[in-house]
């Protein structure tokens, strides 16, 4: 069951790529989960709170910066997964949250336009 969907940009922060998560989505996700395991599945990156069978990198949804009353949340994209999916700084991705897992997939031209 799909709960939330949104288009997001991939940005380079420091040495790693990150996906900016809208505040309304991040607040819901952070209330339910703290840490995620990131892995490639079905042409996208899946962030799951439960560890998968194979060993994968663990990442956190975190507050990157604050400006006045606004918070900016990001999900780190592990470099190996970004390379595998062809994501780069400035790429547009579709972000889906189903109440348990977060899916990040490269956006199709129809979704971008």
N, C-alpha and C. Protein backbone atom coordinates (compact mmCIF):
# COMPACT_ATOMS: atom_id res chain seq x y z
N UNK A 1 0.84 -1.18 0.00
CA UNK A 1 0.00 0.00 0.00
C UNK A 1 0.89 1.25 0.00
N UNK A 2 0.72 2.10 -0.98
CA UNK A 2 1.51 3.31 -1.10
C UNK A 2 0.92 4.40 -0.22
N UNK A 3 1.76 4.98 0.62
CA UNK A 3 1.29 6.06 1.49
C UNK A 3 1.69 7.41 0.92
N UNK A 4 2.96 7.58 0.57
CA UNK A 4 3.45 8.87 0.09
C UNK A 4 4.35 8.69 -1.12
N UNK A 5 4.30 9.66 -2.04
CA UNK A 5 5.18 9.68 -3.20
C UNK A 5 5.57 11.12 -3.48
N UNK A 6 6.82 11.33 -3.91
CA UNK A 6 7.28 12.69 -4.17
C UNK A 6 8.50 12.64 -5.09
N UNK A 7 8.67 13.68 -5.91
CA UNK A 7 9.88 13.83 -6.73
C UNK A 7 10.92 14.58 -5.93
N UNK A 8 12.17 14.15 -6.00
CA UNK A 8 13.24 14.78 -5.22
C UNK A 8 14.48 14.90 -6.09
N UNK A 9 15.40 15.73 -5.64
CA UNK A 9 16.68 15.91 -6.31
C UNK A 9 17.79 15.23 -5.51
N UNK A 10 18.77 14.74 -6.25
CA UNK A 10 19.97 14.19 -5.63
C UNK A 10 21.00 15.31 -5.59
N UNK A 11 21.62 15.51 -4.44
CA UNK A 11 22.62 16.56 -4.27
C UNK A 11 23.87 15.99 -3.62
N UNK A 12 25.01 16.57 -3.97
CA UNK A 12 26.27 16.18 -3.34
C UNK A 12 26.45 17.03 -2.09
N UNK A 13 26.57 16.36 -0.95
CA UNK A 13 26.82 17.03 0.32
C UNK A 13 28.12 16.44 0.85
N UNK A 14 29.14 17.26 0.91
CA UNK A 14 30.45 16.75 1.30
C UNK A 14 30.94 15.79 0.24
N UNK A 15 31.27 14.58 0.64
CA UNK A 15 31.77 13.60 -0.31
C UNK A 15 30.73 12.61 -0.79
N UNK A 16 29.50 12.71 -0.30
CA UNK A 16 28.50 11.70 -0.67
C UNK A 16 27.27 12.33 -1.31
N UNK A 17 26.54 11.51 -2.04
CA UNK A 17 25.29 11.95 -2.64
C UNK A 17 24.16 11.73 -1.64
N UNK A 18 23.21 12.64 -1.64
CA UNK A 18 22.07 12.54 -0.73
C UNK A 18 20.80 12.91 -1.47
N UNK A 19 19.69 12.33 -1.03
CA UNK A 19 18.37 12.66 -1.56
C UNK A 19 17.68 13.53 -0.52
N UNK A 20 17.25 14.72 -0.95
CA UNK A 20 16.50 15.59 -0.05
C UNK A 20 15.10 15.02 0.12
N UNK A 21 14.69 14.84 1.36
CA UNK A 21 13.37 14.29 1.67
C UNK A 21 12.49 15.44 2.15
N UNK A 22 11.30 15.61 1.58
CA UNK A 22 10.41 16.68 2.03
C UNK A 22 10.10 16.54 3.52
N UNK A 23 9.98 17.67 4.20
CA UNK A 23 9.78 17.67 5.65
C UNK A 23 8.54 16.88 6.05
N UNK A 24 7.43 17.04 5.30
CA UNK A 24 6.21 16.33 5.68
C UNK A 24 6.41 14.82 5.64
N UNK A 25 7.22 14.33 4.69
CA UNK A 25 7.50 12.90 4.60
C UNK A 25 8.46 12.48 5.70
N UNK A 26 9.48 13.29 5.91
CA UNK A 26 10.53 12.95 6.87
C UNK A 26 9.98 12.84 8.29
N UNK A 27 9.08 13.73 8.65
CA UNK A 27 8.51 13.69 10.00
C UNK A 27 7.74 12.40 10.23
N UNK A 28 6.98 11.96 9.25
CA UNK A 28 6.23 10.71 9.37
C UNK A 28 7.19 9.52 9.46
N UNK A 29 8.19 9.50 8.60
CA UNK A 29 9.14 8.39 8.57
C UNK A 29 9.95 8.34 9.86
N UNK A 30 10.42 9.47 10.35
CA UNK A 30 11.26 9.50 11.56
C UNK A 30 10.49 9.05 12.80
N UNK A 31 9.20 9.28 12.84
CA UNK A 31 8.41 8.82 13.99
C UNK A 31 8.36 7.29 14.05
N UNK A 32 8.42 6.66 12.88
CA UNK A 32 8.30 5.20 12.84
C UNK A 32 9.64 4.48 12.83
N UNK A 33 10.63 5.06 12.18
CA UNK A 33 11.91 4.36 11.98
C UNK A 33 13.07 5.31 12.24
N UNK A 34 14.20 4.76 12.66
CA UNK A 34 15.39 5.57 12.86
C UNK A 34 16.48 5.23 11.86
N UNK A 35 16.76 3.93 11.74
CA UNK A 35 17.83 3.48 10.86
C UNK A 35 17.26 2.64 9.73
N UNK A 36 18.00 2.65 8.63
CA UNK A 36 17.59 1.87 7.46
C UNK A 36 18.78 1.12 6.91
N UNK A 37 18.51 0.03 6.22
CA UNK A 37 19.52 -0.69 5.47
C UNK A 37 19.25 -0.39 4.00
N UNK A 38 20.29 -0.03 3.28
CA UNK A 38 20.13 0.37 1.87
C UNK A 38 20.64 -0.74 0.96
N UNK A 39 19.85 -1.07 -0.06
CA UNK A 39 20.27 -2.05 -1.05
C UNK A 39 19.51 -1.82 -2.35
N UNK A 40 20.09 -2.31 -3.45
CA UNK A 40 19.46 -2.17 -4.76
C UNK A 40 18.47 -3.31 -4.96
N UNK A 41 17.27 -2.94 -5.42
CA UNK A 41 16.23 -3.93 -5.66
C UNK A 41 15.30 -3.40 -6.75
N UNK A 42 15.07 -4.19 -7.77
CA UNK A 42 14.13 -3.84 -8.85
C UNK A 42 14.42 -2.47 -9.47
N UNK A 43 15.68 -2.19 -9.78
CA UNK A 43 16.04 -0.95 -10.47
C UNK A 43 15.98 0.30 -9.62
N UNK A 44 15.95 0.16 -8.31
CA UNK A 44 15.94 1.31 -7.42
C UNK A 44 16.63 0.97 -6.12
N UNK A 45 16.76 1.96 -5.25
CA UNK A 45 17.35 1.74 -3.94
C UNK A 45 16.22 1.56 -2.94
N UNK A 46 16.29 0.51 -2.16
CA UNK A 46 15.32 0.28 -1.10
C UNK A 46 15.99 0.57 0.23
N UNK A 47 15.33 1.37 1.05
CA UNK A 47 15.78 1.63 2.41
C UNK A 47 14.79 0.92 3.32
N UNK A 48 15.26 -0.11 4.02
CA UNK A 48 14.39 -0.92 4.86
C UNK A 48 14.84 -0.87 6.32
N UNK A 49 13.90 -0.76 7.27
CA UNK A 49 14.29 -0.76 8.68
C UNK A 49 14.72 -2.14 9.17
N UNK A 50 14.35 -3.18 8.45
CA UNK A 50 14.75 -4.54 8.83
C UNK A 50 15.98 -4.95 8.02
N UNK A 51 16.92 -5.62 8.67
CA UNK A 51 18.10 -6.05 7.92
C UNK A 51 17.75 -7.11 6.89
N UNK A 52 18.25 -6.96 5.66
CA UNK A 52 18.01 -7.98 4.63
C UNK A 52 18.88 -9.20 4.91
N UNK A 53 18.70 -10.24 4.12
CA UNK A 53 19.48 -11.47 4.33
C UNK A 53 20.97 -11.24 4.12
N UNK A 54 21.31 -10.53 3.07
CA UNK A 54 22.72 -10.24 2.79
C UNK A 54 23.15 -9.02 3.61
N UNK A 55 24.43 -8.84 3.72
CA UNK A 55 24.94 -7.71 4.49
C UNK A 55 24.92 -6.45 3.63
N UNK A 56 24.30 -5.39 4.13
CA UNK A 56 24.21 -4.13 3.39
C UNK A 56 24.53 -2.97 4.31
N UNK A 57 24.81 -1.85 3.70
CA UNK A 57 25.17 -0.65 4.44
C UNK A 57 23.96 -0.09 5.19
N UNK A 58 24.20 0.37 6.41
CA UNK A 58 23.14 0.97 7.22
C UNK A 58 23.24 2.49 7.10
N UNK A 59 22.12 3.16 6.90
CA UNK A 59 22.09 4.62 6.78
C UNK A 59 20.97 5.17 7.65
N UNK A 60 21.03 6.47 7.92
CA UNK A 60 20.01 7.11 8.74
C UNK A 60 19.37 8.26 7.98
N UNK A 61 18.10 8.47 8.24
CA UNK A 61 17.43 9.68 7.78
C UNK A 61 17.82 10.73 8.81
N UNK A 62 18.45 11.80 8.37
CA UNK A 62 18.97 12.76 9.34
C UNK A 62 18.67 14.18 8.93
N UNK A 63 18.72 15.07 9.91
CA UNK A 63 18.57 16.49 9.64
C UNK A 63 19.92 16.97 9.14
N UNK A 64 19.95 17.51 7.94
CA UNK A 64 21.20 18.00 7.38
C UNK A 64 21.49 19.42 7.85
N UNK A 65 20.48 20.26 7.82
CA UNK A 65 20.70 21.67 8.19
C UNK A 65 19.39 22.26 8.68
N UNK A 66 19.51 23.34 9.39
CA UNK A 66 18.34 24.09 9.85
C UNK A 66 18.53 25.54 9.44
N UNK A 67 17.46 26.14 9.00
CA UNK A 67 17.48 27.56 8.66
C UNK A 67 16.20 28.17 9.20
N UNK A 68 16.34 29.02 10.20
CA UNK A 68 15.19 29.59 10.91
C UNK A 68 14.32 28.45 11.40
N UNK A 69 13.09 28.34 10.93
CA UNK A 69 12.22 27.26 11.41
C UNK A 69 12.14 26.09 10.43
N UNK A 70 12.97 26.10 9.38
CA UNK A 70 12.92 25.01 8.40
C UNK A 70 14.02 23.99 8.65
N UNK A 71 13.68 22.74 8.50
CA UNK A 71 14.65 21.65 8.61
C UNK A 71 14.81 21.02 7.23
N UNK A 72 15.99 20.54 6.97
CA UNK A 72 16.25 19.85 5.71
C UNK A 72 16.68 18.43 6.05
N UNK A 73 15.92 17.46 5.58
CA UNK A 73 16.23 16.06 5.84
C UNK A 73 16.83 15.44 4.59
N UNK A 74 17.78 14.54 4.80
CA UNK A 74 18.41 13.85 3.67
C UNK A 74 18.57 12.37 3.98
N UNK A 75 18.55 11.58 2.94
CA UNK A 75 18.91 10.17 2.99
C UNK A 75 20.20 10.03 2.22
N UNK A 76 21.21 9.47 2.82
CA UNK A 76 22.48 9.27 2.14
C UNK A 76 22.34 8.14 1.12
N UNK A 77 22.92 8.36 -0.05
CA UNK A 77 22.94 7.33 -1.09
C UNK A 77 24.34 6.73 -1.09
N UNK A 78 24.51 5.47 -0.70
CA UNK A 78 25.84 4.86 -0.74
C UNK A 78 26.43 4.94 -2.15
N UNK A 79 27.71 5.26 -2.23
CA UNK A 79 28.37 5.50 -3.52
C UNK A 79 28.24 4.32 -4.48
N UNK A 80 28.36 3.11 -3.97
CA UNK A 80 28.27 1.94 -4.85
C UNK A 80 26.87 1.81 -5.45
N UNK A 81 25.85 2.15 -4.69
CA UNK A 81 24.48 2.07 -5.20
C UNK A 81 24.21 3.19 -6.20
N UNK A 82 24.74 4.38 -5.94
CA UNK A 82 24.56 5.51 -6.86
C UNK A 82 25.19 5.19 -8.21
N UNK A 83 26.37 4.60 -8.19
CA UNK A 83 27.05 4.23 -9.43
C UNK A 83 26.26 3.16 -10.18
N UNK A 84 25.77 2.19 -9.46
CA UNK A 84 25.01 1.09 -10.08
C UNK A 84 23.75 1.59 -10.78
N UNK A 85 23.11 2.62 -10.22
CA UNK A 85 21.87 3.15 -10.80
C UNK A 85 22.10 4.37 -11.70
N UNK A 86 23.34 4.84 -11.79
CA UNK A 86 23.64 5.99 -12.64
C UNK A 86 23.15 7.31 -12.07
N UNK A 87 23.06 7.42 -10.75
CA UNK A 87 22.63 8.68 -10.13
C UNK A 87 23.82 9.61 -9.99
N UNK A 88 23.57 10.90 -10.19
CA UNK A 88 24.62 11.91 -10.06
C UNK A 88 24.02 13.16 -9.43
N UNK A 89 24.88 14.10 -9.10
CA UNK A 89 24.43 15.37 -8.53
C UNK A 89 23.47 16.04 -9.52
N UNK A 90 22.28 16.38 -9.07
CA UNK A 90 21.29 17.03 -9.91
C UNK A 90 20.27 16.08 -10.52
N UNK A 91 20.46 14.77 -10.36
CA UNK A 91 19.48 13.80 -10.88
C UNK A 91 18.14 13.97 -10.17
N UNK A 92 17.07 13.68 -10.89
CA UNK A 92 15.75 13.68 -10.28
C UNK A 92 15.34 12.24 -10.02
N UNK A 93 14.84 12.00 -8.83
CA UNK A 93 14.40 10.66 -8.46
C UNK A 93 12.97 10.71 -7.93
N UNK A 94 12.31 9.57 -7.98
CA UNK A 94 10.98 9.45 -7.38
C UNK A 94 11.17 8.74 -6.04
N UNK A 95 10.55 9.29 -5.01
CA UNK A 95 10.67 8.77 -3.65
C UNK A 95 9.31 8.22 -3.23
N UNK A 96 9.26 6.95 -2.86
CA UNK A 96 8.01 6.31 -2.45
C UNK A 96 8.17 5.77 -1.03
N UNK A 97 7.13 5.92 -0.23
CA UNK A 97 7.13 5.38 1.13
C UNK A 97 5.82 4.63 1.34
N UNK A 98 5.93 3.37 1.76
CA UNK A 98 4.73 2.55 1.91
C UNK A 98 4.37 2.23 3.36
N UNK A 99 4.94 2.96 4.29
CA UNK A 99 4.69 2.70 5.70
C UNK A 99 5.77 1.87 6.35
N UNK A 100 6.60 1.23 5.53
CA UNK A 100 7.68 0.40 6.04
C UNK A 100 8.99 0.73 5.32
N UNK A 101 8.98 0.59 4.01
CA UNK A 101 10.20 0.80 3.22
C UNK A 101 10.12 2.09 2.43
N UNK A 102 11.29 2.65 2.16
CA UNK A 102 11.41 3.81 1.28
C UNK A 102 12.05 3.32 0.00
N UNK A 103 11.48 3.69 -1.15
CA UNK A 103 12.07 3.34 -2.44
C UNK A 103 12.49 4.60 -3.16
N UNK A 104 13.70 4.59 -3.67
CA UNK A 104 14.22 5.70 -4.48
C UNK A 104 14.54 5.12 -5.84
N UNK A 105 13.85 5.62 -6.88
CA UNK A 105 14.08 5.14 -8.24
C UNK A 105 14.32 6.33 -9.15
N UNK A 106 15.19 6.15 -10.16
CA UNK A 106 15.38 7.24 -11.12
C UNK A 106 14.04 7.61 -11.74
N UNK A 107 13.75 8.90 -11.80
CA UNK A 107 12.46 9.37 -12.32
C UNK A 107 12.42 9.24 -13.84
N UNK A 108 11.27 8.84 -14.35
CA UNK A 108 11.08 8.76 -15.79
C UNK A 108 10.78 10.16 -16.32
N UNK A 109 10.95 10.40 -17.63
CA UNK A 109 10.66 11.73 -18.18
C UNK A 109 9.24 12.21 -17.89
N UNK A 110 8.27 11.29 -17.82
CA UNK A 110 6.89 11.69 -17.52
C UNK A 110 6.78 12.22 -16.10
N UNK A 111 7.52 11.62 -15.17
CA UNK A 111 7.47 12.05 -13.77
C UNK A 111 8.18 13.38 -13.57
N UNK A 112 9.24 13.61 -14.36
CA UNK A 112 10.01 14.85 -14.22
C UNK A 112 9.24 16.03 -14.76
N UNK A 113 8.60 15.86 -15.91
CA UNK A 113 7.90 16.96 -16.57
C UNK A 113 6.64 17.26 -15.94
